[in-house]
Amino acid sequence: KGAQAFHLFLYRVDHKVMSLSVNS
C-alpha cells in the first residue's frame, strides 16, 4: 500500500491536540 495524505497529531499534556497535515 501507499498513501497520499499524512497527518501528524501532537497530544499535549493540557488536554489539547495540534495537527499537521501534508499531501503528496
PDB file of all heavy atoms in Angstrom:
ATOM      1  N   LYS A   1       0.824  -1.199   0.000  1.00  0.00           N
ATOM      2  CA  LYS A   1       0.000   0.000   0.000  1.00  0.00           C
ATOM      3  C   LYS A   1       0.864   1.257   0.000  1.00  0.00           C
ATOM      4  O   LYS A   1       2.064   1.220   0.278  1.00  0.00           O
ATOM      5  CB  LYS A   1      -0.926   0.027   1.224  1.00  0.00           C
ATOM      6  CG  LYS A   1      -1.849  -1.173   1.353  1.00  0.00           C
ATOM      7  CD  LYS A   1      -2.954  -1.140   0.317  1.00  0.00           C
ATOM      8  CE  LYS A   1      -3.949  -2.272   0.535  1.00  0.00           C
ATOM      9  NZ  LYS A   1      -5.036  -2.255  -0.479  1.00  0.00           N
ATOM     10  N   GLY A   2       0.223   2.360  -0.325  1.00  0.00           N
ATOM     11  CA  GLY A   2       0.817   3.683  -0.233  1.00  0.00           C
ATOM     12  C   GLY A   2      -0.274   4.673   0.119  1.00  0.00           C
ATOM     13  O   GLY A   2      -1.456   4.320   0.191  1.00  0.00           O
ATOM     14  N   ALA A   3       0.089   5.916   0.348  1.00  0.00           N
ATOM     15  CA  ALA A   3      -0.886   6.926   0.746  1.00  0.00           C
ATOM     16  C   ALA A   3      -0.535   8.251   0.099  1.00  0.00           C
ATOM     17  O   ALA A   3       0.601   8.486  -0.332  1.00  0.00           O
ATOM     18  CB  ALA A   3      -0.936   7.064   2.267  1.00  0.00           C
ATOM     19  N   GLN A   4      -1.532   9.126   0.050  1.00  0.00           N
ATOM     20  CA  GLN A   4      -1.342  10.466  -0.494  1.00  0.00           C
ATOM     21  C   GLN A   4      -1.502  11.554   0.555  1.00  0.00           C
ATOM     22  O   GLN A   4      -1.134  12.702   0.290  1.00  0.00           O
ATOM     23  CB  GLN A   4      -2.325  10.723  -1.644  1.00  0.00           C
ATOM     24  CG  GLN A   4      -1.987  10.002  -2.926  1.00  0.00           C
ATOM     25  CD  GLN A   4      -2.904  10.402  -4.061  1.00  0.00           C
ATOM     26  OE1 GLN A   4      -3.991   9.874  -4.211  1.00  0.00           O
ATOM     27  NE2 GLN A   4      -2.471  11.356  -4.861  1.00  0.00           N
ATOM     28  N   ALA A   5      -2.064  11.241   1.703  1.00  0.00           N
ATOM     29  CA  ALA A   5      -2.258  12.231   2.770  1.00  0.00           C
ATOM     30  C   ALA A   5      -1.713  11.659   4.078  1.00  0.00           C
ATOM     31  O   ALA A   5      -1.960  10.485   4.407  1.00  0.00           O
ATOM     32  CB  ALA A   5      -3.735  12.586   2.918  1.00  0.00           C
ATOM     33  N   PHE A   6      -1.007  12.495   4.805  1.00  0.00           N
ATOM     34  CA  PHE A   6      -0.406  12.089   6.076  1.00  0.00           C
ATOM     35  C   PHE A   6      -0.718  13.154   7.124  1.00  0.00           C
ATOM     36  O   PHE A   6      -0.676  14.354   6.843  1.00  0.00           O
ATOM     37  CB  PHE A   6       1.110  11.905   5.928  1.00  0.00           C
ATOM     38  CG  PHE A   6       1.503  10.877   4.906  1.00  0.00           C
ATOM     39  CD1 PHE A   6       1.708  11.237   3.572  1.00  0.00           C
ATOM     40  CD2 PHE A   6       1.645   9.546   5.260  1.00  0.00           C
ATOM     41  CE1 PHE A   6       2.049  10.300   2.629  1.00  0.00           C
ATOM     42  CE2 PHE A   6       1.987   8.591   4.312  1.00  0.00           C
ATOM     43  CZ  PHE A   6       2.194   8.969   2.990  1.00  0.00           C
ATOM     44  N   HIS A   7      -1.036  12.693   8.335  1.00  0.00           N
ATOM     45  CA  HIS A   7      -1.459  13.587   9.403  1.00  0.00           C
ATOM     46  C   HIS A   7      -0.621  13.299  10.652  1.00  0.00           C
ATOM     47  O   HIS A   7      -0.486  12.133  11.060  1.00  0.00           O
ATOM     48  CB  HIS A   7      -2.942  13.390   9.720  1.00  0.00           C
ATOM     49  CG  HIS A   7      -3.811  13.308   8.491  1.00  0.00           C
ATOM     50  ND1 HIS A   7      -4.264  14.421   7.826  1.00  0.00           N
ATOM     51  CD2 HIS A   7      -4.273  12.234   7.801  1.00  0.00           C
ATOM     52  CE1 HIS A   7      -4.980  14.039   6.779  1.00  0.00           C
ATOM     53  NE2 HIS A   7      -4.999  12.716   6.746  1.00  0.00           N
ATOM     54  N   LEU A   8      -0.098  14.347  11.242  1.00  0.00           N
ATOM     55  CA  LEU A   8       0.702  14.245  12.461  1.00  0.00           C
ATOM     56  C   LEU A   8      -0.080  14.911  13.585  1.00  0.00           C
ATOM     57  O   LEU A   8      -0.375  16.108  13.523  1.00  0.00           O
ATOM     58  CB  LEU A   8       2.056  14.928  12.264  1.00  0.00           C
ATOM     59  CG  LEU A   8       3.111  14.664  13.341  1.00  0.00           C
ATOM     60  CD1 LEU A   8       3.554  13.199  13.311  1.00  0.00           C
ATOM     61  CD2 LEU A   8       4.312  15.582  13.142  1.00  0.00           C
ATOM     62  N   PHE A   9      -0.428  14.142  14.603  1.00  0.00           N
ATOM     63  CA  PHE A   9      -1.182  14.647  15.744  1.00  0.00           C
ATOM     64  C   PHE A   9      -0.256  14.745  16.954  1.00  0.00           C
ATOM     65  O   PHE A   9       0.404  13.756  17.323  1.00  0.00           O
ATOM     66  CB  PHE A   9      -2.362  13.728  16.064  1.00  0.00           C
ATOM     67  CG  PHE A   9      -3.340  13.589  14.923  1.00  0.00           C
ATOM     68  CD1 PHE A   9      -3.321  12.466  14.106  1.00  0.00           C
ATOM     69  CD2 PHE A   9      -4.262  14.577  14.653  1.00  0.00           C
ATOM     70  CE1 PHE A   9      -4.201  12.333  13.060  1.00  0.00           C
ATOM     71  CE2 PHE A   9      -5.157  14.457  13.599  1.00  0.00           C
ATOM     72  CZ  PHE A   9      -5.129  13.333  12.804  1.00  0.00           C
ATOM     73  N   LEU A  10      -0.218  15.916  17.565  1.00  0.00           N
ATOM     74  CA  LEU A  10       0.613  16.182  18.740  1.00  0.00           C
ATOM     75  C   LEU A  10      -0.299  16.371  19.940  1.00  0.00           C
ATOM     76  O   LEU A  10      -1.074  17.339  19.991  1.00  0.00           O
ATOM     77  CB  LEU A  10       1.480  17.421  18.516  1.00  0.00           C
ATOM     78  CG  LEU A  10       2.230  17.516  17.180  1.00  0.00           C
ATOM     79  CD1 LEU A  10       3.005  18.823  17.097  1.00  0.00           C
ATOM     80  CD2 LEU A  10       3.153  16.325  16.997  1.00  0.00           C
ATOM     81  N   TYR A  11      -0.210  15.469  20.905  1.00  0.00           N
ATOM     82  CA  TYR A  11      -1.090  15.496  22.073  1.00  0.00           C
ATOM     83  C   TYR A  11      -0.362  16.149  23.243  1.00  0.00           C
ATOM     84  O   TYR A  11       0.655  15.638  23.720  1.00  0.00           O
ATOM     85  CB  TYR A  11      -1.544  14.082  22.437  1.00  0.00           C
ATOM     86  CG  TYR A  11      -2.418  13.454  21.374  1.00  0.00           C
ATOM     87  CD1 TYR A  11      -1.866  12.724  20.329  1.00  0.00           C
ATOM     88  CD2 TYR A  11      -3.794  13.603  21.401  1.00  0.00           C
ATOM     89  CE1 TYR A  11      -2.659  12.158  19.340  1.00  0.00           C
ATOM     90  CE2 TYR A  11      -4.603  13.042  20.427  1.00  0.00           C
ATOM     91  CZ  TYR A  11      -4.027  12.319  19.405  1.00  0.00           C
ATOM     92  OH  TYR A  11      -4.832  11.773  18.440  1.00  0.00           O
ATOM     93  N   ARG A  12      -0.895  17.277  23.688  1.00  0.00           N
ATOM     94  CA  ARG A  12      -0.295  17.997  24.793  1.00  0.00           C
ATOM     95  C   ARG A  12      -0.852  17.490  26.120  1.00  0.00           C
ATOM     96  O   ARG A  12      -1.954  16.941  26.186  1.00  0.00           O
ATOM     97  CB  ARG A  12      -0.568  19.504  24.660  1.00  0.00           C
ATOM     98  CG  ARG A  12       0.153  20.113  23.501  1.00  0.00           C
ATOM     99  CD  ARG A  12      -0.294  21.505  23.113  1.00  0.00           C
ATOM    100  NE  ARG A  12      -0.767  22.337  24.192  1.00  0.00           N
ATOM    101  CZ  ARG A  12      -1.059  23.633  24.065  1.00  0.00           C
ATOM    102  NH1 ARG A  12      -0.894  24.223  22.891  1.00  0.00           N
ATOM    103  NH2 ARG A  12      -1.496  24.334  25.075  1.00  0.00           N
ATOM    104  N   VAL A  13      -0.082  17.691  27.171  1.00  0.00           N
ATOM    105  CA  VAL A  13      -0.493  17.201  28.476  1.00  0.00           C
ATOM    106  C   VAL A  13      -1.647  18.023  29.043  1.00  0.00           C
ATOM    107  O   VAL A  13      -2.315  17.580  29.983  1.00  0.00           O
ATOM    108  CB  VAL A  13       0.700  17.207  29.461  1.00  0.00           C
ATOM    109  CG1 VAL A  13       1.769  16.249  29.010  1.00  0.00           C
ATOM    110  CG2 VAL A  13       1.265  18.615  29.618  1.00  0.00           C
ATOM    111  N   ASP A  14      -1.903  19.229  28.511  1.00  0.00           N
ATOM    112  CA  ASP A  14      -3.004  20.070  28.990  1.00  0.00           C
ATOM    113  C   ASP A  14      -4.249  19.877  28.141  1.00  0.00           C
ATOM    114  O   ASP A  14      -4.944  20.832  27.816  1.00  0.00           O
ATOM    115  CB  ASP A  14      -2.591  21.544  29.017  1.00  0.00           C
ATOM    116  CG  ASP A  14      -2.061  22.018  27.664  1.00  0.00           C
ATOM    117  OD1 ASP A  14      -1.859  21.168  26.781  1.00  0.00           O
ATOM    118  OD2 ASP A  14      -1.860  23.235  27.503  1.00  0.00           O
ATOM    119  N   HIS A  15      -4.543  18.612  27.784  1.00  0.00           N
ATOM    120  CA  HIS A  15      -5.720  18.160  27.041  1.00  0.00           C
ATOM    121  C   HIS A  15      -6.005  19.011  25.802  1.00  0.00           C
ATOM    122  O   HIS A  15      -7.132  19.419  25.539  1.00  0.00           O
ATOM    123  CB  HIS A  15      -6.952  18.062  27.937  1.00  0.00           C
ATOM    124  CG  HIS A  15      -7.444  19.355  28.522  1.00  0.00           C
ATOM    125  ND1 HIS A  15      -8.192  20.242  27.826  1.00  0.00           N
ATOM    126  CD2 HIS A  15      -7.299  19.877  29.755  1.00  0.00           C
ATOM    127  CE1 HIS A  15      -8.496  21.282  28.579  1.00  0.00           C
ATOM    128  NE2 HIS A  15      -7.965  21.079  29.761  1.00  0.00           N
ATOM    129  N   LYS A  16      -4.978  19.251  24.999  1.00  0.00           N
ATOM    130  CA  LYS A  16      -5.148  19.882  23.699  1.00  0.00           C
ATOM    131  C   LYS A  16      -4.357  19.088  22.671  1.00  0.00           C
ATOM    132  O   LYS A  16      -3.386  18.410  23.020  1.00  0.00           O
ATOM    133  CB  LYS A  16      -4.675  21.341  23.720  1.00  0.00           C
ATOM    134  CG  LYS A  16      -5.550  22.256  24.559  1.00  0.00           C
ATOM    135  CD  LYS A  16      -5.099  23.703  24.462  1.00  0.00           C
ATOM    136  CE  LYS A  16      -5.999  24.612  25.291  1.00  0.00           C
ATOM    137  NZ  LYS A  16      -5.578  26.029  25.207  1.00  0.00           N
ATOM    138  N   VAL A  17      -4.785  19.177  21.429  1.00  0.00           N
ATOM    139  CA  VAL A  17      -4.125  18.426  20.369  1.00  0.00           C
ATOM    140  C   VAL A  17      -3.871  19.366  19.197  1.00  0.00           C
ATOM    141  O   VAL A  17      -4.723  20.181  18.835  1.00  0.00           O
ATOM    142  CB  VAL A  17      -4.971  17.210  19.922  1.00  0.00           C
ATOM    143  CG1 VAL A  17      -6.338  17.639  19.428  1.00  0.00           C
ATOM    144  CG2 VAL A  17      -4.257  16.408  18.853  1.00  0.00           C
ATOM    145  N   MET A  18      -2.685  19.288  18.642  1.00  0.00           N
ATOM    146  CA  MET A  18      -2.329  20.025  17.435  1.00  0.00           C
ATOM    147  C   MET A  18      -2.161  19.021  16.294  1.00  0.00           C
ATOM    148  O   MET A  18      -1.758  17.880  16.523  1.00  0.00           O
ATOM    149  CB  MET A  18      -1.029  20.807  17.640  1.00  0.00           C
ATOM    150  CG  MET A  18      -1.101  21.852  18.736  1.00  0.00           C
ATOM    151  SD  MET A  18       0.465  22.759  18.910  1.00  0.00           S
ATOM    152  CE  MET A  18       1.531  21.442  19.499  1.00  0.00           C
ATOM    153  N   SER A  19      -2.481  19.460  15.105  1.00  0.00           N
ATOM    154  CA  SER A  19      -2.386  18.557  13.957  1.00  0.00           C
ATOM    155  C   SER A  19      -1.694  19.256  12.800  1.00  0.00           C
ATOM    156  O   SER A  19      -1.890  20.450  12.569  1.00  0.00           O
ATOM    157  CB  SER A  19      -3.774  18.076  13.515  1.00  0.00           C
ATOM    158  OG  SER A  19      -4.566  19.165  13.096  1.00  0.00           O
ATOM    159  N   LEU A  20      -0.883  18.500  12.088  1.00  0.00           N
ATOM    160  CA  LEU A  20      -0.222  18.941  10.863  1.00  0.00           C
ATOM    161  C   LEU A  20      -0.565  17.927   9.779  1.00  0.00           C
ATOM    162  O   LEU A  20      -0.460  16.719  10.000  1.00  0.00           O
ATOM    163  CB  LEU A  20       1.298  19.021  11.042  1.00  0.00           C
ATOM    164  CG  LEU A  20       1.848  20.007  12.081  1.00  0.00           C
ATOM    165  CD1 LEU A  20       3.364  19.874  12.158  1.00  0.00           C
ATOM    166  CD2 LEU A  20       1.464  21.420  11.724  1.00  0.00           C
ATOM    167  N   SER A  21      -0.962  18.423   8.616  1.00  0.00           N
ATOM    168  CA  SER A  21      -1.331  17.552   7.505  1.00  0.00           C
ATOM    169  C   SER A  21      -0.543  17.940   6.272  1.00  0.00           C
ATOM    170  O   SER A  21      -0.363  19.135   5.994  1.00  0.00           O
ATOM    171  CB  SER A  21      -2.832  17.631   7.217  1.00  0.00           C
ATOM    172  OG  SER A  21      -3.592  17.177   8.320  1.00  0.00           O
ATOM    173  N   VAL A  22      -0.079  16.947   5.542  1.00  0.00           N
ATOM    174  CA  VAL A  22       0.632  17.158   4.283  1.00  0.00           C
ATOM    175  C   VAL A  22       0.050  16.209   3.249  1.00  0.00           C
ATOM    176  O   VAL A  22      -0.558  15.191   3.580  1.00  0.00           O
ATOM    177  CB  VAL A  22       2.153  16.925   4.433  1.00  0.00           C
ATOM    178  CG1 VAL A  22       2.768  17.946   5.380  1.00  0.00           C
ATOM    179  CG2 VAL A  22       2.443  15.510   4.916  1.00  0.00           C
ATOM    180  N   ASN A  23       0.248  16.561   1.983  1.00  0.00           N
ATOM    181  CA  ASN A  23      -0.286  15.764   0.887  1.00  0.00           C
ATOM    182  C   ASN A  23       0.805  15.501  -0.138  1.00  0.00           C
ATOM    183  O   ASN A  23       1.774  16.259  -0.257  1.00  0.00           O
ATOM    184  CB  ASN A  23      -1.458  16.483   0.221  1.00  0.00           C
ATOM    185  CG  ASN A  23      -2.628  16.670   1.158  1.00  0.00           C
ATOM    186  OD1 ASN A  23      -3.327  15.722   1.489  1.00  0.00           O
ATOM    187  ND2 ASN A  23      -2.841  17.898   1.595  1.00  0.00           N
ATOM    188  N   SER A  24       0.609  14.426  -0.872  1.00  0.00           N
ATOM    189  CA  SER A  24       1.537  14.038  -1.936  1.00  0.00           C
ATOM    190  C   SER A  24       0.778  13.929  -3.242  1.00  0.00           C
ATOM    191  O   SER A  24      -0.374  13.474  -3.269  1.00  0.00           O
ATOM    192  CB  SER A  24       2.217  12.705  -1.593  1.00  0.00           C
ATOM    193  OG  SER A  24       3.020  12.252  -2.663  1.00  0.00           O
TER     194      SER A  24
END
